[in-house]
Amino acid sequence: MKPLRAKTWWAVWVGVVLGLCAATSDGQDFLQANLVWLPDSSGFVFSKPVPHQGRFSIVQYDLSKRALRLVVVDSEATSLWLALSPDGKQIAATRFVAKGKEGSLELLFYDFTGQERRSSAFPWGTAGSFDLFLGLFWGAVPEKLVISGASSDLGNPTKTPMLTGIYDPQEKKITLLRHVVALPIAGTPIRPDGKGFLATGDWRETSAANWLGRIVRNLVFIDWEGWQYLIDTKESSLVAAVVNYVIPYWDGPVAVASWPNNTLRIDTEERIGRLIKNATPHVLYTFPNGLTMRLIEDQAKRLKPADKRPDKRPGNDVAVPLVEEVADIFRIELHSPPARQPQVLTSTVHRGCFLYPAPNQHLVAIGCGSQILVIDDEGNLVANVSR
């Protein structure tokens, strides 16, 4: 067995920070703005909830036409996450079915006319055990699909709360890895060079006082043979509760997660994670022409009811006084290289956004709840798509 290279454990559930909480199976309220760019950067596909519980449509957005097109009106998939084949001709989705106490997983493949074909059904945990997250990612070299699920009952030591599958579309076989879940970075956990993917693991430290042990979770890099390599996080630790805003992206083999005043760099080649503090304003992304995207934290004042629980019974139409409240706001600013105008575009954004650079590196999509913003390398807002 290959050795694990590090013994230092990450102190908190980093998957919550990097996107796990943003991918509920219902997905109706959060809308994690999952999207996948077409290989030629001409547009992207994304999922859009429909009135049926747990169902959604698949939509294509064409940047040149500034138009939306329904590819699949009502998909039978049960997860909002989509994946796109390396040649850009197939869209993959997942369908989880509970049969008694057991669960099974099907992969659904659509072409751009909406025609569907299905994979065989594979065993997938137990019914209700992977209801929080079901992600799907399609890598090019080697061509593999990564499917990940996690339970909302992550703290229950008697369950297996995480499961990841590596699917080979040529062999039509799946390899299951228990106790790990993939971490989506800019829409995919797969490293840009295709050598493997980033995940978080679930292990237990046993003790004499507690035979079940204490659940600990660490970052791991997984290759296509299923070997897991621990990522050393040194003495750094994160408190997920105080992380309000994260925009992750890949910088070569390094996964970068950023929020005001802090940057987490996870080097999957050297297998080291570093937390960098006091980086204000932090550069989130740099286009090839030098234009930088930065995240700024600010404050704004707003009015709210002084009484959080006003008496709403009939006959009690008492006016509730308003008080001033200071709230945090976040802005994305684009700054030109020093020789040009200092600032090109400013946009106020919400918490929980995700960054999706296009394959050509000249466009970036920002998924913000029910909105998808697309910015080019000249600082222009070229699309504002509503989900």
Protein backbone atom coordinates (compact mmCIF):
# COMPACT_ATOMS: atom_id res chain seq x y z
CA MET A 1 0.00 0.00 0.00
CA LYS A 2 1.31 3.43 -0.84
CA PRO A 3 2.21 5.50 2.21
CA LEU A 4 0.22 8.51 3.36
CA ARG A 5 2.66 11.38 3.51
CA ALA A 6 1.26 13.50 6.32
CA LYS A 7 -0.19 13.10 9.79
CA THR A 8 -1.41 16.63 10.48
CA TRP A 9 -5.22 16.71 10.31
CA TRP A 10 -7.31 19.58 9.04
CA ALA A 11 -9.20 20.97 12.01
CA VAL A 12 -12.65 21.47 10.51
CA TRP A 13 -14.95 20.20 7.84
CA VAL A 14 -13.31 21.95 4.90
CA GLY A 15 -15.86 20.52 2.48
CA VAL A 16 -18.42 22.92 3.94
CA VAL A 17 -16.10 25.79 3.05
CA LEU A 18 -15.27 24.69 -0.48
CA GLY A 19 -18.72 23.81 -1.71
CA LEU A 20 -20.22 20.78 -0.01
CA CYS A 21 -22.92 22.80 1.69
CA ALA A 22 -23.69 24.44 -1.64
CA ALA A 23 -24.97 21.30 -3.31
CA THR A 24 -28.03 19.97 -1.57
CA SER A 25 -30.00 17.33 -3.38
CA ASP A 26 -33.10 19.57 -3.39
CA GLY A 27 -31.12 22.60 -4.55
CA GLN A 28 -34.33 24.63 -4.90
CA ASP A 29 -33.39 27.33 -2.39
CA PHE A 30 -29.63 27.69 -2.60
CA LEU A 31 -29.13 27.34 -6.36
CA GLN A 32 -25.40 26.72 -6.30
CA ALA A 33 -25.22 28.00 -9.89
CA ASN A 34 -23.51 24.87 -11.11
CA LEU A 35 -22.48 25.42 -14.72
CA VAL A 36 -20.15 23.80 -17.23
CA TRP A 37 -18.41 25.70 -20.03
CA LEU A 38 -18.43 24.31 -23.56
CA PRO A 39 -14.90 23.38 -24.72
CA ASP A 40 -14.78 26.27 -27.23
CA SER A 41 -15.96 28.82 -24.60
CA SER A 42 -18.93 29.75 -26.81
CA GLY A 43 -21.33 29.25 -23.92
CA PHE A 44 -22.22 26.96 -21.06
CA VAL A 45 -24.90 24.61 -19.78
CA PHE A 46 -26.55 24.69 -16.38
CA SER A 47 -29.49 23.18 -14.52
CA LYS A 48 -32.70 25.01 -13.67
CA PRO A 49 -35.31 23.72 -11.19
CA VAL A 50 -38.81 22.95 -12.46
CA PRO A 51 -42.05 22.76 -10.43
CA HIS A 52 -41.78 18.98 -9.98
CA GLN A 53 -40.12 18.15 -6.68
CA GLY A 54 -36.48 17.23 -7.19
CA ARG A 55 -36.61 17.65 -11.00
CA PHE A 56 -34.94 20.21 -13.27
CA SER A 57 -34.38 21.26 -16.85
CA ILE A 58 -31.04 21.53 -18.65
CA VAL A 59 -30.36 24.87 -20.33
CA GLN A 60 -27.69 26.03 -22.79
CA TYR A 61 -26.60 29.66 -22.97
CA ASP A 62 -25.02 30.93 -26.22
CA LEU A 63 -22.79 33.97 -25.66
CA SER A 64 -22.76 35.11 -29.30
CA LYS A 65 -26.56 35.01 -29.58
CA ARG A 66 -27.12 36.16 -25.97
CA ALA A 67 -29.84 33.53 -25.87
CA LEU A 68 -31.00 30.58 -23.77
CA ARG A 69 -32.12 27.24 -25.21
CA LEU A 70 -33.84 24.40 -23.38
CA VAL A 71 -31.94 21.19 -24.08
CA VAL A 72 -33.95 18.97 -21.71
CA VAL A 73 -37.30 20.29 -20.51
CA ASP A 74 -37.78 17.91 -17.58
CA SER A 75 -34.84 15.69 -16.66
CA GLU A 76 -35.32 12.61 -14.50
CA ALA A 77 -32.02 13.27 -12.76
CA THR A 78 -32.12 13.81 -9.01
CA SER A 79 -29.06 16.05 -8.64
CA LEU A 80 -28.61 19.58 -10.01
CA TRP A 81 -24.96 18.93 -10.85
CA LEU A 82 -24.10 18.37 -14.52
CA ALA A 83 -20.96 17.31 -16.34
CA LEU A 84 -19.94 17.81 -19.98
CA SER A 85 -18.00 15.32 -22.09
CA PRO A 86 -14.51 16.45 -23.20
CA ASP A 87 -15.73 16.77 -26.82
CA GLY A 88 -18.66 18.92 -25.69
CA LYS A 89 -21.28 16.64 -27.26
CA GLN A 90 -22.81 14.94 -24.22
CA ILE A 91 -24.26 16.22 -20.95
CA ALA A 92 -24.19 13.86 -17.99
CA ALA A 93 -26.46 13.89 -14.94
CA THR A 94 -27.15 11.46 -12.09
CA ARG A 95 -30.24 9.67 -10.84
CA PHE A 96 -30.36 8.19 -7.34
CA VAL A 97 -33.08 5.61 -6.65
CA ALA A 98 -33.93 4.10 -3.27
CA LYS A 99 -35.05 0.47 -3.31
CA GLY A 100 -35.98 -0.54 0.20
CA LYS A 101 -32.94 -0.02 2.38
CA GLU A 102 -30.55 0.01 -0.56
CA GLY A 103 -29.75 2.76 -3.02
CA SER A 104 -28.73 2.60 -6.67
CA LEU A 105 -27.21 5.14 -9.03
CA GLU A 106 -27.75 5.66 -12.74
CA LEU A 107 -25.86 7.99 -15.04
CA LEU A 108 -28.00 9.81 -17.60
CA PHE A 109 -26.37 11.00 -20.83
CA TYR A 110 -28.04 13.61 -23.07
CA ASP A 111 -27.02 14.95 -26.44
CA PHE A 112 -27.86 18.53 -27.41
CA THR A 113 -31.12 17.44 -29.07
CA GLY A 114 -32.31 16.23 -25.66
CA GLN A 115 -32.06 12.52 -26.49
CA GLU A 116 -31.21 10.37 -23.47
CA ARG A 117 -29.39 7.13 -22.81
CA ARG A 118 -28.69 5.53 -19.44
CA SER A 119 -25.93 3.58 -17.79
CA SER A 120 -26.49 0.43 -15.81
CA ALA A 121 -27.65 0.90 -12.23
CA PHE A 122 -24.81 0.68 -9.69
CA PRO A 123 -25.12 0.02 -5.94
CA TRP A 124 -24.86 3.32 -4.08
CA GLY A 125 -25.05 3.29 -0.30
CA THR A 126 -28.34 3.05 1.54
CA ALA A 127 -31.56 4.95 1.03
CA GLY A 128 -31.25 8.45 2.51
CA SER A 129 -27.57 8.08 3.36
CA PHE A 130 -26.28 10.41 0.62
CA ASP A 131 -28.90 13.12 0.56
CA LEU A 132 -26.77 16.25 1.02
CA PHE A 133 -24.52 16.28 -2.02
CA LEU A 134 -24.36 14.41 -5.29
CA GLY A 135 -21.73 15.93 -7.58
CA LEU A 136 -20.70 14.82 -11.06
CA PHE A 137 -17.50 15.79 -12.90
CA TRP A 138 -16.09 14.63 -16.28
CA GLY A 139 -12.34 14.62 -16.83
CA ALA A 140 -10.63 14.41 -20.22
CA VAL A 141 -7.28 12.64 -19.70
CA PRO A 142 -7.85 9.89 -18.81
CA GLU A 143 -11.55 10.10 -19.58
CA LYS A 144 -13.26 9.43 -16.25
CA LEU A 145 -16.33 10.62 -14.39
CA VAL A 146 -16.19 11.38 -10.68
CA ILE A 147 -19.44 11.00 -8.72
CA SER A 148 -19.61 12.05 -5.06
CA GLY A 149 -22.27 11.85 -2.38
CA ALA A 150 -22.48 12.75 1.30
CA SER A 151 -25.05 12.44 4.03
CA SER A 152 -26.59 15.36 5.90
CA ASP A 153 -25.96 13.31 9.05
CA LEU A 154 -22.19 13.76 8.79
CA GLY A 155 -21.62 13.57 12.53
CA ASN A 156 -23.21 10.15 13.00
CA PRO A 157 -20.31 7.74 13.65
CA THR A 158 -22.41 4.67 12.83
CA LYS A 159 -22.93 5.70 9.20
CA THR A 160 -20.72 5.90 6.15
CA PRO A 161 -21.45 9.56 5.37
CA MET A 162 -19.33 9.91 2.22
CA LEU A 163 -19.01 7.91 -0.98
CA THR A 164 -17.19 8.64 -4.25
CA GLY A 165 -17.24 6.66 -7.48
CA ILE A 166 -14.80 6.73 -10.40
CA TYR A 167 -16.67 5.74 -13.57
CA ASP A 168 -14.91 4.56 -16.73
CA PRO A 169 -17.19 5.37 -19.71
CA GLN A 170 -15.26 2.99 -21.98
CA GLU A 171 -15.37 -0.01 -19.66
CA LYS A 172 -18.73 1.10 -18.20
CA LYS A 173 -17.50 0.19 -14.73
CA ILE A 174 -17.44 2.09 -11.47
CA THR A 175 -14.88 1.95 -8.63
CA LEU A 176 -16.26 3.00 -5.25
CA LEU A 177 -14.20 4.85 -2.64
CA ARG A 178 -15.78 5.07 0.79
CA HIS A 179 -15.27 7.85 3.35
CA VAL A 180 -14.24 10.49 0.77
CA VAL A 181 -16.12 13.18 -1.13
CA ALA A 182 -14.77 15.29 -4.01
CA LEU A 183 -14.37 19.06 -3.55
CA PRO A 184 -15.51 21.10 -6.57
CA ILE A 185 -13.01 23.86 -7.43
CA ALA A 186 -14.33 26.19 -10.17
CA GLY A 187 -16.85 23.51 -11.02
CA THR A 188 -14.54 20.48 -10.88
CA PRO A 189 -12.33 18.71 -8.32
CA ILE A 190 -10.19 17.31 -11.15
CA ARG A 191 -6.74 18.88 -11.41
CA PRO A 192 -6.19 20.71 -14.72
CA ASP A 193 -3.51 18.23 -15.84
CA GLY A 194 -5.93 15.34 -15.23
CA LYS A 195 -3.69 13.40 -12.83
CA GLY A 196 -6.35 13.05 -10.14
CA PHE A 197 -8.80 15.02 -8.02
CA LEU A 198 -9.06 16.84 -4.72
CA ALA A 199 -11.26 15.42 -1.98
CA THR A 200 -11.80 15.41 1.74
CA GLY A 201 -11.62 12.23 3.77
CA ASP A 202 -13.48 10.89 6.79
CA TRP A 203 -11.48 8.94 9.37
CA ARG A 204 -11.80 8.27 13.07
CA GLU A 205 -9.25 8.67 15.83
CA THR A 206 -10.03 6.03 18.42
CA SER A 207 -9.35 6.45 22.11
CA ALA A 208 -9.67 4.40 25.28
CA ALA A 209 -12.59 6.57 26.38
CA ASN A 210 -14.53 6.33 23.13
CA TRP A 211 -14.26 3.18 21.06
CA LEU A 212 -16.16 4.81 18.17
CA GLY A 213 -13.52 7.51 18.08
CA ARG A 214 -13.59 11.15 17.06
CA ILE A 215 -14.42 11.95 13.46
CA VAL A 216 -11.60 13.84 11.73
CA ARG A 217 -11.56 15.07 8.17
CA ASN A 218 -8.54 15.93 6.11
CA LEU A 219 -7.75 17.00 2.57
CA VAL A 220 -6.57 14.27 0.21
CA PHE A 221 -5.47 14.03 -3.41
CA ILE A 222 -6.73 10.87 -5.17
CA ASP A 223 -5.25 9.38 -8.33
CA TRP A 224 -7.19 7.28 -10.83
CA GLU A 225 -6.12 4.03 -9.21
CA GLY A 226 -7.84 5.13 -6.04
CA TRP A 227 -4.69 5.87 -3.98
CA GLN A 228 -5.19 8.67 -1.48
CA TYR A 229 -2.43 11.09 -0.48
CA LEU A 230 -2.84 13.23 2.61
CA ILE A 231 -2.28 16.96 2.23
CA ASP A 232 -0.25 18.44 5.08
CA THR A 233 -1.95 21.54 6.48
CA LYS A 234 0.83 22.35 8.98
CA GLU A 235 -0.49 24.27 11.96
CA SER A 236 -3.22 26.08 10.07
CA SER A 237 -6.85 25.59 10.90
CA LEU A 238 -10.12 27.04 9.68
CA VAL A 239 -13.33 27.77 11.49
CA ALA A 240 -16.04 27.19 8.92
CA ALA A 241 -18.58 29.29 10.82
CA VAL A 242 -16.61 32.50 10.26
CA VAL A 243 -15.98 31.93 6.57
CA ASN A 244 -18.64 34.03 4.89
CA TYR A 245 -17.49 34.10 1.32
CA VAL A 246 -15.40 31.68 -0.71
CA ILE A 247 -14.54 31.76 -4.42
CA PRO A 248 -12.35 28.76 -5.29
CA TYR A 249 -10.40 28.26 -8.53
CA TRP A 250 -7.51 26.18 -9.89
CA ASP A 251 -4.07 27.76 -10.34
CA GLY A 252 -2.30 24.87 -12.08
CA PRO A 253 -2.03 22.07 -9.48
CA VAL A 254 -2.97 24.50 -6.68
CA ALA A 255 -6.57 24.87 -5.51
CA VAL A 256 -7.17 28.40 -4.24
CA ALA A 257 -10.04 29.43 -1.98
CA SER A 258 -10.37 33.12 -1.13
CA TRP A 259 -12.43 35.35 1.09
CA PRO A 260 -11.72 38.78 2.59
CA ASN A 261 -8.35 38.89 4.40
CA ASN A 262 -7.61 35.18 3.90
CA THR A 263 -6.48 32.84 1.15
CA LEU A 264 -6.22 29.07 1.33
CA ARG A 265 -3.77 27.52 -1.18
CA ILE A 266 -3.88 23.73 -1.48
CA ASP A 267 -0.89 22.47 -3.46
CA THR A 268 -1.89 19.00 -4.68
CA GLU A 269 1.57 18.41 -6.20
CA GLU A 270 3.57 19.16 -3.05
CA ARG A 271 0.59 18.04 -0.91
CA ILE A 272 0.72 21.08 1.35
CA GLY A 273 -2.09 23.43 2.36
CA ARG A 274 -1.25 26.98 3.41
CA LEU A 275 -3.54 29.61 4.95
CA ILE A 276 -2.40 33.12 4.02
CA LYS A 277 -3.76 35.98 6.11
CA ASN A 278 -4.00 39.75 5.68
CA ALA A 279 -4.19 39.70 1.88
CA THR A 280 -6.42 42.75 1.35
CA PRO A 281 -7.71 43.26 -1.26
CA HIS A 282 -7.04 39.74 -2.46
CA VAL A 283 -6.61 38.95 -6.14
CA LEU A 284 -9.13 36.25 -7.00
CA TYR A 285 -8.22 35.73 -10.62
CA THR A 286 -5.84 37.22 -13.19
CA PHE A 287 -6.67 37.22 -16.90
CA PRO A 288 -3.86 36.63 -19.43
CA ASN A 289 -3.78 40.38 -20.24
CA GLY A 290 -3.11 41.27 -16.59
CA LEU A 291 -6.62 42.36 -15.59
CA THR A 292 -7.18 41.24 -12.00
CA MET A 293 -10.38 40.36 -10.22
CA ARG A 294 -10.44 41.30 -6.54
CA LEU A 295 -12.82 40.75 -3.67
CA ILE A 296 -13.56 43.71 -1.40
CA GLU A 297 -15.43 43.53 1.90
CA ASP A 298 -17.38 46.61 2.94
CA GLN A 299 -20.30 47.61 5.12
CA ALA A 300 -23.68 49.13 4.31
CA LYS A 301 -26.50 50.47 6.46
CA ARG A 302 -30.07 49.27 6.19
CA LEU A 303 -33.30 49.53 8.19
CA LYS A 304 -34.91 46.53 9.88
CA PRO A 305 -37.76 46.03 12.37
CA ALA A 306 -36.69 46.68 15.95
CA ASP A 307 -38.80 43.75 17.19
CA LYS A 308 -37.84 40.50 15.50
CA ARG A 309 -41.10 38.89 16.61
CA PRO A 310 -43.93 41.42 16.08
CA ASP A 311 -47.43 40.49 17.26
CA LYS A 312 -49.24 39.48 14.05
CA ARG A 313 -52.50 38.39 15.66
CA PRO A 314 -55.70 39.94 14.22
CA GLY A 315 -56.48 43.31 15.78
CA ASN A 316 -52.87 44.00 16.71
CA ASP A 317 -51.88 46.22 13.80
CA VAL A 318 -49.21 48.02 15.79
CA ALA A 319 -46.51 49.76 13.78
CA VAL A 320 -43.12 48.16 14.42
CA PRO A 321 -40.35 50.76 14.76
CA LEU A 322 -37.37 50.47 12.44
CA VAL A 323 -33.76 50.60 13.54
CA GLU A 324 -30.57 51.04 11.56
CA GLU A 325 -28.41 47.96 11.06
CA VAL A 326 -24.89 47.73 9.65
CA ALA A 327 -24.52 44.74 7.31
CA ASP A 328 -21.52 43.30 5.50
CA ILE A 329 -21.51 43.55 1.71
CA PHE A 330 -19.03 42.16 -0.79
CA ARG A 331 -17.88 43.59 -4.07
CA ILE A 332 -15.93 42.19 -6.96
CA GLU A 333 -13.67 44.83 -8.52
CA LEU A 334 -11.70 44.47 -11.74
CA HIS A 335 -8.41 46.32 -11.87
CA SER A 336 -6.37 46.95 -15.01
CA PRO A 337 -2.57 46.66 -15.13
CA PRO A 338 -0.80 49.76 -13.69
CA ALA A 339 -0.32 51.36 -17.10
CA ARG A 340 -4.06 51.52 -17.71
CA GLN A 341 -7.06 52.96 -15.92
CA PRO A 342 -7.02 51.72 -12.29
CA GLN A 343 -10.54 50.34 -12.14
CA VAL A 344 -12.77 48.97 -14.90
CA LEU A 345 -15.83 47.44 -13.31
CA THR A 346 -17.35 47.10 -9.85
CA SER A 347 -20.17 44.71 -9.05
CA THR A 348 -21.85 44.02 -5.71
CA VAL A 349 -22.19 40.28 -5.21
CA HIS A 350 -23.67 37.97 -2.62
CA ARG A 351 -22.18 35.39 -0.29
CA GLY A 352 -21.64 31.90 -1.60
CA CYS A 353 -20.50 32.76 -5.14
CA PHE A 354 -18.46 30.43 -7.31
CA LEU A 355 -15.89 31.25 -9.98
CA TYR A 356 -15.84 29.43 -13.34
CA PRO A 357 -13.03 30.51 -15.72
CA ALA A 358 -13.73 29.62 -19.35
CA PRO A 359 -11.37 27.22 -21.19
CA ASN A 360 -10.02 30.12 -23.30
CA GLN A 361 -9.17 32.06 -20.08
CA HIS A 362 -10.66 35.27 -21.53
CA LEU A 363 -14.04 34.89 -19.81
CA VAL A 364 -15.07 34.18 -16.24
CA ALA A 365 -18.54 33.19 -15.08
CA ILE A 366 -19.52 33.99 -11.51
CA GLY A 367 -22.37 31.93 -10.10
CA CYS A 368 -24.19 34.01 -7.46
CA GLY A 369 -27.27 32.21 -6.22
CA SER A 370 -29.91 32.52 -8.93
CA GLN A 371 -27.71 34.74 -11.16
CA ILE A 372 -24.80 33.92 -13.46
CA LEU A 373 -22.57 36.86 -14.38
CA VAL A 374 -20.04 36.59 -17.22
CA ILE A 375 -17.12 39.05 -17.37
CA ASP A 376 -14.55 39.29 -20.17
CA ASP A 377 -10.88 40.26 -19.96
CA GLU A 378 -11.70 43.88 -20.84
CA GLY A 379 -13.84 44.22 -17.74
CA ASN A 380 -17.16 44.12 -19.58
CA LEU A 381 -20.21 42.40 -18.15
CA VAL A 382 -21.11 40.37 -21.24
CA ALA A 383 -23.96 38.32 -19.74
CA ASN A 384 -26.32 38.36 -16.78
CA VAL A 385 -28.29 35.13 -16.82
CA SER A 386 -31.13 34.41 -14.43
CA ARG A 387 -31.78 30.90 -13.18
